Amino acid sequence: MSSHFIRWAILLFALFGASVAALAQGQVQSLPVRIGAIPVLGAAPLFVAEREAWLGADGLKPTVTLFDSGPNAAQAEASAR
């Protein structure tokens, strides 16, 4: 497997775990999550999860923002947008 796929799988697993823990405690009805990505092959698992609504099924409320390059994503992260 490629290292990009493994990284995305770990990220999605962590997000699912966090949402399940929060929902199990009854603290949160839905957990808003902002995800930024550059549309390249390494981000394919994210796009599949979004299209199949796997993130929403576990109580996450994802907002995916696509960026053209890394500096644009870093700037958005720094400004908390």
Protein backbone atom coordinates (compact mmCIF):
# COMPACT_ATOMS: atom_id res chain seq x y z
CA MET A 1 0.00 0.00 0.00
CA SER A 2 1.13 3.52 -0.56
CA SER A 3 2.06 5.66 2.40
CA HIS A 4 -0.54 8.28 1.37
CA PHE A 5 -3.34 5.73 1.61
CA ILE A 6 -2.14 4.58 5.01
CA ARG A 7 -2.02 8.18 6.28
CA TRP A 8 -5.56 8.87 5.07
CA ALA A 9 -6.81 5.62 6.53
CA ILE A 10 -5.30 6.51 9.92
CA LEU A 11 -6.83 10.00 9.77
CA LEU A 12 -10.28 8.69 8.92
CA PHE A 13 -10.02 6.01 11.61
CA ALA A 14 -9.11 8.67 14.18
CA LEU A 15 -12.04 10.85 13.10
CA PHE A 16 -14.45 7.93 13.32
CA GLY A 17 -13.13 7.01 16.77
CA ALA A 18 -13.49 10.57 18.05
CA SER A 19 -17.02 10.85 16.74
CA VAL A 20 -18.11 7.50 18.15
CA ALA A 21 -16.66 8.35 21.57
CA ALA A 22 -18.43 11.71 21.67
CA LEU A 23 -21.72 10.27 20.47
CA ALA A 24 -21.53 7.38 22.94
CA GLN A 25 -21.20 9.82 25.81
CA GLY A 26 -24.21 11.74 24.54
CA GLN A 27 -22.26 14.97 24.42
CA VAL A 28 -22.65 15.70 20.74
CA GLN A 29 -25.41 15.05 18.23
CA SER A 30 -23.11 15.75 15.29
CA LEU A 31 -19.46 16.70 15.27
CA PRO A 32 -18.50 19.44 12.77
CA VAL A 33 -15.18 18.69 11.03
CA ARG A 34 -13.39 20.92 8.54
CA ILE A 35 -11.16 19.04 6.10
CA GLY A 36 -8.81 20.65 3.59
CA ALA A 37 -7.38 18.66 0.70
CA ILE A 38 -5.47 19.04 -2.52
CA PRO A 39 -7.23 17.04 -5.25
CA VAL A 40 -4.52 14.48 -6.00
CA LEU A 41 -4.53 10.70 -6.03
CA GLY A 42 -3.36 10.52 -2.41
CA ALA A 43 -6.60 12.19 -1.29
CA ALA A 44 -8.80 9.61 -3.02
CA PRO A 45 -9.93 7.90 0.24
CA LEU A 46 -11.29 11.23 1.46
CA PHE A 47 -13.28 11.77 -1.73
CA VAL A 48 -14.70 8.24 -1.60
CA ALA A 49 -15.70 8.68 2.05
CA GLU A 50 -17.36 11.99 1.25
CA ARG A 51 -19.22 10.70 -1.80
CA GLU A 52 -20.45 7.58 0.01
CA ALA A 53 -21.44 9.68 3.07
CA TRP A 54 -19.40 7.44 5.37
CA LEU A 55 -18.34 10.41 7.48
CA GLY A 56 -21.90 11.60 8.05
CA ALA A 57 -23.04 8.11 8.99
CA ASP A 58 -20.80 8.17 12.05
CA GLY A 59 -22.05 11.50 13.34
CA LEU A 60 -19.48 13.71 11.65
CA LYS A 61 -20.59 16.80 9.81
CA PRO A 62 -17.73 17.25 7.31
CA THR A 63 -16.98 20.35 5.30
CA VAL A 64 -14.36 19.64 2.63
CA THR A 65 -12.43 22.53 1.09
CA LEU A 66 -10.22 21.92 -1.93
CA PHE A 67 -6.99 23.83 -2.38
CA ASP A 68 -4.83 24.28 -5.48
CA SER A 69 -1.55 24.06 -3.61
CA GLY A 70 0.03 23.50 -0.22
CA PRO A 71 0.79 27.18 0.48
CA ASN A 72 -2.89 28.05 -0.01
CA ALA A 73 -3.89 25.32 2.45
CA ALA A 74 -1.27 26.48 4.97
CA GLN A 75 -2.50 30.05 4.71
CA ALA A 76 -6.09 28.96 5.33
CA GLU A 77 -4.97 26.90 8.33
CA ALA A 78 -3.04 29.84 9.76
CA SER A 79 -6.07 32.10 9.44
CA ALA A 80 -8.38 29.40 10.93
CA ARG A 81 -10.78 29.43 7.98
